[in-house]
Amino acid sequence: MKSMYAFLTIVLVIFVIISCEIKKSETGPDNKVKLISVSYEGCFLNNPEIALKDAPLNIDSLYYVIEDDTLNLSAIKNYNCCGLLKDSMIISGEEVNIYLADTCTELCQCWCMCDFEFRYKFTDFRQKNIHFYVYLKELNESEYVLWKETSFIDAAD
């Protein structure tokens, strides 16, 4: 009878270990939020005159909207329309660091401003507290500085 209990205990322990491993693989090995797409609007359009006319905000903003299983993060930077903003990203645990840099090399300053909009789509954000930090390195600057930040706090945590 004792051997039967010992056997059942071992089987139960193995079942729990396997269940935990399956759960880990479902959420990913590092449990990071996943970037699924990036799109660019506003001054990134092929025709800057149209982008200037359609620029509704003319203010800087960083916000997110949840649609089904997707977190849509928008970073809108009102910037010199001759600027050439490029982005890069590092996702580390519950931190998403986005870096925007003006990489313009010639004819970089104009007498106009317009909105550069970066749209990022993420999945696997549920049951996480994700902190978004956006850093900016403007034309002729040597370092990035924190431009905006926001957080997604899942109440199911």
N, C-alpha and C. Protein backbone atom coordinates (compact mmCIF):
# COMPACT_ATOMS: atom_id res chain seq x y z
N MET A 1 0.82 -1.18 0.00
CA MET A 1 0.00 0.00 0.00
C MET A 1 0.88 1.26 0.00
N LYS A 2 1.99 1.23 0.80
CA LYS A 2 2.89 2.38 0.83
C LYS A 2 3.53 2.60 -0.53
N SER A 3 3.84 1.51 -1.22
CA SER A 3 4.46 1.67 -2.54
C SER A 3 3.47 2.29 -3.53
N MET A 4 2.19 1.99 -3.36
CA MET A 4 1.17 2.58 -4.23
C MET A 4 1.10 4.09 -4.01
N TYR A 5 1.13 4.54 -2.74
CA TYR A 5 1.12 5.98 -2.43
C TYR A 5 2.40 6.65 -2.93
N ALA A 6 3.50 5.99 -2.78
CA ALA A 6 4.77 6.54 -3.27
C ALA A 6 4.72 6.68 -4.79
N PHE A 7 4.20 5.67 -5.47
CA PHE A 7 4.09 5.72 -6.91
C PHE A 7 3.18 6.86 -7.35
N LEU A 8 2.02 7.00 -6.71
CA LEU A 8 1.08 8.08 -7.04
C LEU A 8 1.69 9.45 -6.76
N THR A 9 2.46 9.56 -5.70
CA THR A 9 3.11 10.83 -5.36
C THR A 9 4.12 11.19 -6.44
N ILE A 10 4.90 10.23 -6.88
CA ILE A 10 5.89 10.48 -7.93
C ILE A 10 5.19 10.88 -9.23
N VAL A 11 4.13 10.18 -9.59
CA VAL A 11 3.38 10.50 -10.81
C VAL A 11 2.80 11.91 -10.71
N LEU A 12 2.28 12.28 -9.54
CA LEU A 12 1.71 13.62 -9.34
C LEU A 12 2.79 14.69 -9.46
N VAL A 13 3.97 14.46 -8.88
CA VAL A 13 5.07 15.41 -8.97
C VAL A 13 5.51 15.59 -10.43
N ILE A 14 5.62 14.50 -11.16
CA ILE A 14 6.01 14.57 -12.57
C ILE A 14 4.95 15.34 -13.36
N PHE A 15 3.67 15.09 -13.08
CA PHE A 15 2.59 15.80 -13.76
C PHE A 15 2.67 17.30 -13.49
N VAL A 16 2.94 17.70 -12.26
CA VAL A 16 3.05 19.12 -11.90
C VAL A 16 4.24 19.75 -12.63
N ILE A 17 5.37 19.07 -12.68
CA ILE A 17 6.55 19.60 -13.36
C ILE A 17 6.27 19.78 -14.85
N ILE A 18 5.66 18.78 -15.47
CA ILE A 18 5.34 18.88 -16.90
C ILE A 18 4.35 20.01 -17.14
N SER A 19 3.35 20.16 -16.29
CA SER A 19 2.37 21.24 -16.43
C SER A 19 3.04 22.60 -16.35
N CYS A 20 3.98 22.76 -15.42
CA CYS A 20 4.70 24.03 -15.29
C CYS A 20 5.53 24.31 -16.53
N GLU A 21 6.17 23.28 -17.09
CA GLU A 21 6.97 23.47 -18.29
C GLU A 21 6.10 23.85 -19.48
N ILE A 22 4.93 23.24 -19.59
CA ILE A 22 4.01 23.59 -20.68
C ILE A 22 3.57 25.04 -20.52
N LYS A 23 3.23 25.46 -19.31
CA LYS A 23 2.80 26.84 -19.07
C LYS A 23 3.92 27.82 -19.44
N LYS A 24 5.17 27.50 -19.10
CA LYS A 24 6.31 28.36 -19.45
C LYS A 24 6.44 28.50 -20.95
N SER A 25 6.29 27.39 -21.67
CA SER A 25 6.46 27.46 -23.12
C SER A 25 5.31 28.23 -23.77
N GLU A 26 4.12 28.25 -23.16
CA GLU A 26 3.02 29.01 -23.72
C GLU A 26 3.26 30.50 -23.61
N THR A 27 3.90 30.96 -22.55
CA THR A 27 4.13 32.38 -22.36
C THR A 27 5.48 32.82 -22.89
N GLY A 28 6.25 31.89 -23.43
CA GLY A 28 7.57 32.23 -23.96
C GLY A 28 8.62 32.00 -22.91
N PRO A 29 9.84 31.70 -23.32
CA PRO A 29 10.89 31.36 -22.38
C PRO A 29 11.28 32.54 -21.49
N ASP A 30 11.12 33.76 -21.98
CA ASP A 30 11.52 34.91 -21.18
C ASP A 30 10.34 35.75 -20.72
N ASN A 31 9.12 35.32 -21.07
CA ASN A 31 7.90 35.98 -20.62
C ASN A 31 7.86 37.45 -21.06
N LYS A 32 8.39 37.76 -22.23
CA LYS A 32 8.40 39.13 -22.75
C LYS A 32 7.16 39.41 -23.57
N VAL A 33 6.81 40.67 -23.59
CA VAL A 33 5.81 41.14 -24.53
C VAL A 33 6.42 40.99 -25.93
N LYS A 34 5.60 40.71 -26.95
CA LYS A 34 6.13 40.47 -28.29
C LYS A 34 5.67 41.56 -29.25
N LEU A 35 6.61 42.13 -29.98
CA LEU A 35 6.32 43.10 -31.03
C LEU A 35 5.92 42.33 -32.28
N ILE A 36 4.73 42.66 -32.84
CA ILE A 36 4.30 41.94 -34.04
C ILE A 36 4.33 42.81 -35.29
N SER A 37 4.29 44.15 -35.13
CA SER A 37 4.41 45.00 -36.32
C SER A 37 4.71 46.44 -35.92
N VAL A 38 5.26 47.17 -36.88
CA VAL A 38 5.54 48.60 -36.73
C VAL A 38 5.07 49.28 -38.00
N SER A 39 4.40 50.42 -37.86
CA SER A 39 4.03 51.20 -39.03
C SER A 39 4.35 52.67 -38.76
N TYR A 40 4.46 53.42 -39.84
CA TYR A 40 4.87 54.82 -39.76
C TYR A 40 3.85 55.68 -40.49
N GLU A 41 3.40 56.76 -39.85
CA GLU A 41 2.40 57.65 -40.43
C GLU A 41 2.89 59.08 -40.37
N GLY A 42 2.08 59.99 -40.88
CA GLY A 42 2.41 61.41 -40.80
C GLY A 42 3.53 61.76 -41.76
N CYS A 43 4.58 62.38 -41.26
CA CYS A 43 5.70 62.85 -42.10
C CYS A 43 6.43 61.72 -42.80
N PHE A 44 6.14 60.48 -42.45
CA PHE A 44 6.79 59.36 -43.13
C PHE A 44 6.16 59.09 -44.49
N LEU A 45 4.99 59.69 -44.77
CA LEU A 45 4.31 59.45 -46.03
C LEU A 45 5.15 59.98 -47.18
N ASN A 46 4.90 59.45 -48.37
CA ASN A 46 5.67 59.85 -49.55
C ASN A 46 5.45 61.30 -49.95
N ASN A 47 4.32 61.87 -49.57
CA ASN A 47 4.02 63.24 -49.96
C ASN A 47 3.91 64.11 -48.71
N PRO A 48 5.01 64.77 -48.29
CA PRO A 48 4.99 65.53 -47.04
C PRO A 48 3.96 66.65 -47.00
N GLU A 49 3.61 67.23 -48.17
CA GLU A 49 2.61 68.30 -48.15
C GLU A 49 1.27 67.79 -47.63
N ILE A 50 0.89 66.59 -48.06
CA ILE A 50 -0.36 66.00 -47.57
C ILE A 50 -0.24 65.71 -46.08
N ALA A 51 0.90 65.19 -45.66
CA ALA A 51 1.11 64.88 -44.24
C ALA A 51 1.01 66.15 -43.41
N LEU A 52 1.54 67.26 -43.91
CA LEU A 52 1.46 68.53 -43.18
C LEU A 52 0.03 69.01 -43.05
N LYS A 53 -0.75 68.89 -44.12
CA LYS A 53 -2.14 69.32 -44.08
C LYS A 53 -2.98 68.43 -43.17
N ASP A 54 -2.65 67.14 -43.11
CA ASP A 54 -3.43 66.19 -42.33
C ASP A 54 -2.92 66.01 -40.92
N ALA A 55 -1.90 66.75 -40.51
CA ALA A 55 -1.35 66.61 -39.16
C ALA A 55 -2.32 67.24 -38.15
N PRO A 56 -3.15 66.42 -37.51
CA PRO A 56 -4.20 66.99 -36.66
C PRO A 56 -3.72 67.42 -35.28
N LEU A 57 -2.66 66.87 -34.79
CA LEU A 57 -2.31 67.09 -33.39
C LEU A 57 -1.33 68.24 -33.18
N ASN A 58 -0.23 68.22 -33.91
CA ASN A 58 0.84 69.19 -33.71
C ASN A 58 1.29 69.26 -32.25
N ILE A 59 1.15 68.15 -31.55
CA ILE A 59 1.65 68.03 -30.18
C ILE A 59 2.29 66.66 -30.03
N ASP A 60 3.19 66.54 -29.09
CA ASP A 60 3.82 65.26 -28.80
C ASP A 60 2.89 64.42 -27.94
N SER A 61 2.83 63.13 -28.22
CA SER A 61 2.02 62.26 -27.37
C SER A 61 2.52 60.83 -27.44
N LEU A 62 2.22 60.10 -26.38
CA LEU A 62 2.53 58.68 -26.27
C LEU A 62 1.34 58.04 -25.57
N TYR A 63 0.68 57.11 -26.25
CA TYR A 63 -0.49 56.47 -25.65
C TYR A 63 -0.66 55.08 -26.26
N TYR A 64 -1.49 54.27 -25.58
CA TYR A 64 -1.79 52.94 -26.12
C TYR A 64 -3.29 52.72 -26.09
N VAL A 65 -3.72 51.81 -26.96
CA VAL A 65 -5.12 51.38 -27.06
C VAL A 65 -5.09 49.86 -27.14
N ILE A 66 -6.00 49.21 -26.41
CA ILE A 66 -6.10 47.75 -26.46
C ILE A 66 -7.21 47.37 -27.42
N GLU A 67 -6.90 46.53 -28.39
CA GLU A 67 -7.89 45.99 -29.33
C GLU A 67 -7.74 44.48 -29.33
N ASP A 68 -8.71 43.80 -28.76
CA ASP A 68 -8.68 42.34 -28.63
C ASP A 68 -7.41 41.92 -27.89
N ASP A 69 -6.55 41.15 -28.57
CA ASP A 69 -5.32 40.67 -27.95
C ASP A 69 -4.10 41.45 -28.41
N THR A 70 -4.32 42.70 -28.82
CA THR A 70 -3.22 43.53 -29.31
C THR A 70 -3.17 44.84 -28.54
N LEU A 71 -1.97 45.20 -28.10
CA LEU A 71 -1.74 46.50 -27.49
C LEU A 71 -1.10 47.37 -28.57
N ASN A 72 -1.81 48.44 -28.95
CA ASN A 72 -1.34 49.36 -29.99
C ASN A 72 -0.75 50.59 -29.31
N LEU A 73 0.55 50.76 -29.43
CA LEU A 73 1.25 51.90 -28.84
C LEU A 73 1.55 52.91 -29.93
N SER A 74 1.16 54.18 -29.72
CA SER A 74 1.44 55.25 -30.68
C SER A 74 2.35 56.27 -30.03
N ALA A 75 3.43 56.58 -30.72
CA ALA A 75 4.34 57.65 -30.31
C ALA A 75 4.31 58.69 -31.41
N ILE A 76 3.82 59.88 -31.08
CA ILE A 76 3.70 60.94 -32.07
C ILE A 76 4.63 62.08 -31.66
N LYS A 77 5.58 62.38 -32.51
CA LYS A 77 6.57 63.44 -32.25
C LYS A 77 6.38 64.54 -33.27
N ASN A 78 6.04 65.74 -32.82
CA ASN A 78 5.97 66.91 -33.69
C ASN A 78 7.40 67.40 -33.84
N TYR A 79 7.90 67.37 -35.07
CA TYR A 79 9.32 67.57 -35.30
C TYR A 79 9.54 68.30 -36.61
N ASN A 80 10.71 68.85 -36.81
CA ASN A 80 11.06 69.54 -38.03
C ASN A 80 10.78 68.63 -39.22
N CYS A 81 10.02 69.13 -40.20
CA CYS A 81 9.59 68.26 -41.31
C CYS A 81 10.73 67.79 -42.21
N CYS A 82 11.90 68.37 -42.09
CA CYS A 82 13.06 67.87 -42.85
C CYS A 82 13.88 66.87 -42.04
N GLY A 83 13.47 66.60 -40.83
CA GLY A 83 14.17 65.61 -40.01
C GLY A 83 14.00 64.22 -40.60
N LEU A 84 14.87 63.33 -40.21
CA LEU A 84 14.80 61.95 -40.67
C LEU A 84 14.86 61.07 -39.42
N LEU A 85 13.70 60.81 -38.83
CA LEU A 85 13.64 60.04 -37.59
C LEU A 85 13.65 58.54 -37.88
N LYS A 86 14.52 57.83 -37.18
CA LYS A 86 14.61 56.37 -37.26
C LYS A 86 14.39 55.83 -35.86
N ASP A 87 13.83 54.63 -35.77
CA ASP A 87 13.57 54.04 -34.46
C ASP A 87 14.28 52.70 -34.31
N SER A 88 14.49 52.35 -33.05
CA SER A 88 15.00 51.03 -32.68
C SER A 88 14.39 50.69 -31.33
N MET A 89 14.42 49.41 -30.98
CA MET A 89 13.73 48.99 -29.76
C MET A 89 14.50 47.88 -29.06
N ILE A 90 14.45 47.93 -27.73
CA ILE A 90 14.98 46.84 -26.90
C ILE A 90 13.88 46.46 -25.91
N ILE A 91 13.50 45.18 -25.94
CA ILE A 91 12.51 44.66 -24.99
C ILE A 91 13.26 43.82 -23.98
N SER A 92 13.13 44.18 -22.72
CA SER A 92 13.83 43.48 -21.65
C SER A 92 12.86 43.27 -20.49
N GLY A 93 12.41 42.02 -20.33
CA GLY A 93 11.46 41.73 -19.27
C GLY A 93 10.19 42.54 -19.46
N GLU A 94 9.87 43.36 -18.47
CA GLU A 94 8.66 44.18 -18.53
C GLU A 94 8.96 45.62 -18.95
N GLU A 95 10.11 45.84 -19.56
CA GLU A 95 10.48 47.17 -20.06
C GLU A 95 10.62 47.13 -21.57
N VAL A 96 10.02 48.13 -22.20
CA VAL A 96 10.18 48.32 -23.64
C VAL A 96 10.83 49.69 -23.82
N ASN A 97 12.04 49.69 -24.33
CA ASN A 97 12.78 50.93 -24.56
C ASN A 97 12.83 51.19 -26.06
N ILE A 98 12.28 52.35 -26.45
CA ILE A 98 12.24 52.75 -27.84
C ILE A 98 13.16 53.94 -28.00
N TYR A 99 13.98 53.90 -29.04
CA TYR A 99 14.96 54.95 -29.29
C TYR A 99 14.65 55.61 -30.64
N LEU A 100 14.43 56.91 -30.62
CA LEU A 100 14.20 57.69 -31.84
C LEU A 100 15.40 58.60 -32.04
N ALA A 101 15.95 58.57 -33.24
CA ALA A 101 17.13 59.39 -33.53
C ALA A 101 16.94 60.09 -34.87
N ASP A 102 17.31 61.36 -34.91
CA ASP A 102 17.31 62.10 -36.16
C ASP A 102 18.61 61.76 -36.88
N THR A 103 18.49 61.05 -38.00
CA THR A 103 19.66 60.59 -38.73
C THR A 103 19.91 61.40 -40.00
N CYS A 104 19.30 62.56 -40.09
CA CYS A 104 19.46 63.42 -41.26
C CYS A 104 20.93 63.83 -41.41
N THR A 105 21.40 63.88 -42.68
CA THR A 105 22.79 64.26 -42.91
C THR A 105 22.94 65.48 -43.82
N GLU A 106 21.88 65.85 -44.55
CA GLU A 106 21.95 67.06 -45.39
C GLU A 106 20.55 67.66 -45.53
N LEU A 107 20.49 68.98 -45.68
CA LEU A 107 19.21 69.69 -45.76
C LEU A 107 18.29 69.28 -44.62
N CYS A 108 18.77 69.42 -43.41
CA CYS A 108 18.08 68.86 -42.24
C CYS A 108 17.15 69.84 -41.53
N GLN A 109 17.16 71.09 -41.90
CA GLN A 109 16.30 72.04 -41.20
C GLN A 109 15.44 72.78 -42.20
N CYS A 110 14.14 72.83 -41.90
CA CYS A 110 13.17 73.52 -42.74
C CYS A 110 12.35 74.46 -41.84
N TRP A 111 11.54 75.28 -42.47
CA TRP A 111 10.67 76.19 -41.73
C TRP A 111 9.29 75.57 -41.59
N CYS A 112 9.23 74.31 -41.21
CA CYS A 112 7.93 73.66 -41.02
C CYS A 112 8.07 72.55 -39.97
N MET A 113 6.95 72.22 -39.38
CA MET A 113 6.88 71.14 -38.39
C MET A 113 5.78 70.18 -38.85
N CYS A 114 5.93 68.92 -38.51
CA CYS A 114 4.83 67.97 -38.75
C CYS A 114 4.97 66.79 -37.80
N ASP A 115 3.92 65.97 -37.79
CA ASP A 115 3.86 64.83 -36.87
C ASP A 115 4.49 63.59 -37.49
N PHE A 116 5.45 63.01 -36.79
CA PHE A 116 5.99 61.70 -37.12
C PHE A 116 5.31 60.73 -36.17
N GLU A 117 4.58 59.77 -36.72
CA GLU A 117 3.87 58.82 -35.86
C GLU A 117 4.42 57.42 -36.05
N PHE A 118 4.84 56.85 -34.93
CA PHE A 118 5.33 55.47 -34.88
C PHE A 118 4.22 54.64 -34.22
N ARG A 119 3.78 53.58 -34.89
CA ARG A 119 2.73 52.71 -34.33
C ARG A 119 3.31 51.31 -34.15
N TYR A 120 3.28 50.86 -32.89
CA TYR A 120 3.82 49.55 -32.54
C TYR A 120 2.67 48.66 -32.07
N LYS A 121 2.65 47.42 -32.53
CA LYS A 121 1.63 46.45 -32.10
C LYS A 121 2.31 45.33 -31.33
N PHE A 122 1.77 45.06 -30.13
CA PHE A 122 2.34 44.04 -29.24
C PHE A 122 1.29 42.99 -28.90
N THR A 123 1.76 41.76 -28.68
CA THR A 123 0.94 40.70 -28.11
C THR A 123 1.63 40.20 -26.85
N ASP A 124 1.00 39.25 -26.19
CA ASP A 124 1.52 38.65 -24.95
C ASP A 124 1.76 39.72 -23.88
N PHE A 125 0.84 40.66 -23.76
CA PHE A 125 0.96 41.72 -22.77
C PHE A 125 0.06 41.49 -21.56
N ARG A 126 -0.86 40.57 -21.66
CA ARG A 126 -1.79 40.31 -20.56
C ARG A 126 -1.03 39.76 -19.35
N GLN A 127 -1.53 40.08 -18.18
CA GLN A 127 -0.97 39.65 -16.89
C GLN A 127 0.47 40.12 -16.73
N LYS A 128 0.76 41.27 -17.29
CA LYS A 128 2.08 41.88 -17.15
C LYS A 128 1.92 43.35 -16.82
N ASN A 129 2.92 43.90 -16.23
CA ASN A 129 3.02 45.34 -16.02
C ASN A 129 4.16 45.82 -16.90
N ILE A 130 3.81 46.48 -18.00
CA ILE A 130 4.81 46.84 -19.00
C ILE A 130 5.06 48.34 -18.95
N HIS A 131 6.31 48.69 -18.92
CA HIS A 131 6.70 50.10 -18.87
C HIS A 131 7.35 50.45 -20.20
N PHE A 132 6.79 51.46 -20.86
CA PHE A 132 7.29 51.93 -22.15
C PHE A 132 8.07 53.22 -21.94
N TYR A 133 9.31 53.24 -22.39
CA TYR A 133 10.16 54.42 -22.31
C TYR A 133 10.60 54.77 -23.72
N VAL A 134 10.40 56.04 -24.11
CA VAL A 134 10.81 56.49 -25.43
C VAL A 134 11.90 57.54 -25.24
N TYR A 135 13.03 57.29 -25.87
CA TYR A 135 14.19 58.19 -25.79
C TYR A 135 14.38 58.86 -27.15
N LEU A 136 14.85 60.10 -27.13
CA LEU A 136 15.03 60.86 -28.35
C LEU A 136 16.44 61.42 -28.42
N LYS A 137 17.03 61.30 -29.59
CA LYS A 137 18.32 61.94 -29.87
C LYS A 137 18.09 62.86 -31.06
N GLU A 138 18.00 64.16 -30.78
CA GLU A 138 17.71 65.13 -31.83
C GLU A 138 18.95 65.39 -32.69
N LEU A 139 18.73 66.10 -33.78
CA LEU A 139 19.79 66.43 -34.72
C LEU A 139 20.95 67.10 -33.98
N ASN A 140 22.15 66.65 -34.26
CA ASN A 140 23.40 67.18 -33.69
C ASN A 140 23.56 66.94 -32.19
N GLU A 141 22.74 66.12 -31.60
CA GLU A 141 22.90 65.76 -30.19
C GLU A 141 23.71 64.47 -30.10
N SER A 142 24.43 64.30 -29.02
CA SER A 142 25.29 63.11 -28.88
C SER A 142 24.65 62.02 -28.03
N GLU A 143 23.62 62.36 -27.24
CA GLU A 143 23.03 61.37 -26.34
C GLU A 143 21.51 61.36 -26.46
N TYR A 144 20.95 60.20 -26.11
CA TYR A 144 19.50 60.07 -26.03
C TYR A 144 19.03 60.64 -24.69
N VAL A 145 17.87 61.28 -24.71
CA VAL A 145 17.24 61.73 -23.46
C VAL A 145 15.83 61.17 -23.41
N LEU A 146 15.34 60.91 -22.21
CA LEU A 146 13.98 60.40 -22.06
C LEU A 146 13.01 61.46 -22.57
N TRP A 147 12.17 61.06 -23.51
CA TRP A 147 11.20 61.97 -24.11
C TRP A 147 9.83 61.78 -23.48
N LYS A 148 9.32 60.55 -23.45
CA LYS A 148 8.01 60.24 -22.87
C LYS A 148 8.05 58.83 -22.28
N GLU A 149 7.12 58.59 -21.37
CA GLU A 149 6.97 57.24 -20.82
C GLU A 149 5.51 57.00 -20.46
N THR A 150 5.12 55.75 -20.50
CA THR A 150 3.79 55.33 -20.08
C THR A 150 3.87 53.89 -19.63
N SER A 151 2.83 53.42 -18.95
CA SER A 151 2.82 52.04 -18.45
C SER A 151 1.49 51.38 -18.69
N PHE A 152 1.53 50.09 -18.97
CA PHE A 152 0.35 49.26 -19.02
C PHE A 152 0.39 48.38 -17.77
N ILE A 153 -0.60 48.53 -16.90
CA ILE A 153 -0.69 47.74 -15.68
C ILE A 153 -1.92 46.85 -15.80
N ASP A 154 -1.70 45.54 -15.85
CA ASP A 154 -2.82 44.61 -15.99
C ASP A 154 -3.40 44.31 -14.61
N ALA A 155 -4.65 44.63 -14.45
CA ALA A 155 -5.32 44.44 -13.15
C ALA A 155 -5.46 42.96 -12.79
N ALA A 156 -5.27 42.07 -13.76
CA ALA A 156 -5.37 40.64 -13.49
C ALA A 156 -4.12 40.10 -12.82
N ASP A 157 -3.12 40.95 -12.65
CA ASP A 157 -1.86 40.53 -12.06
C ASP A 157 -2.03 40.12 -10.61
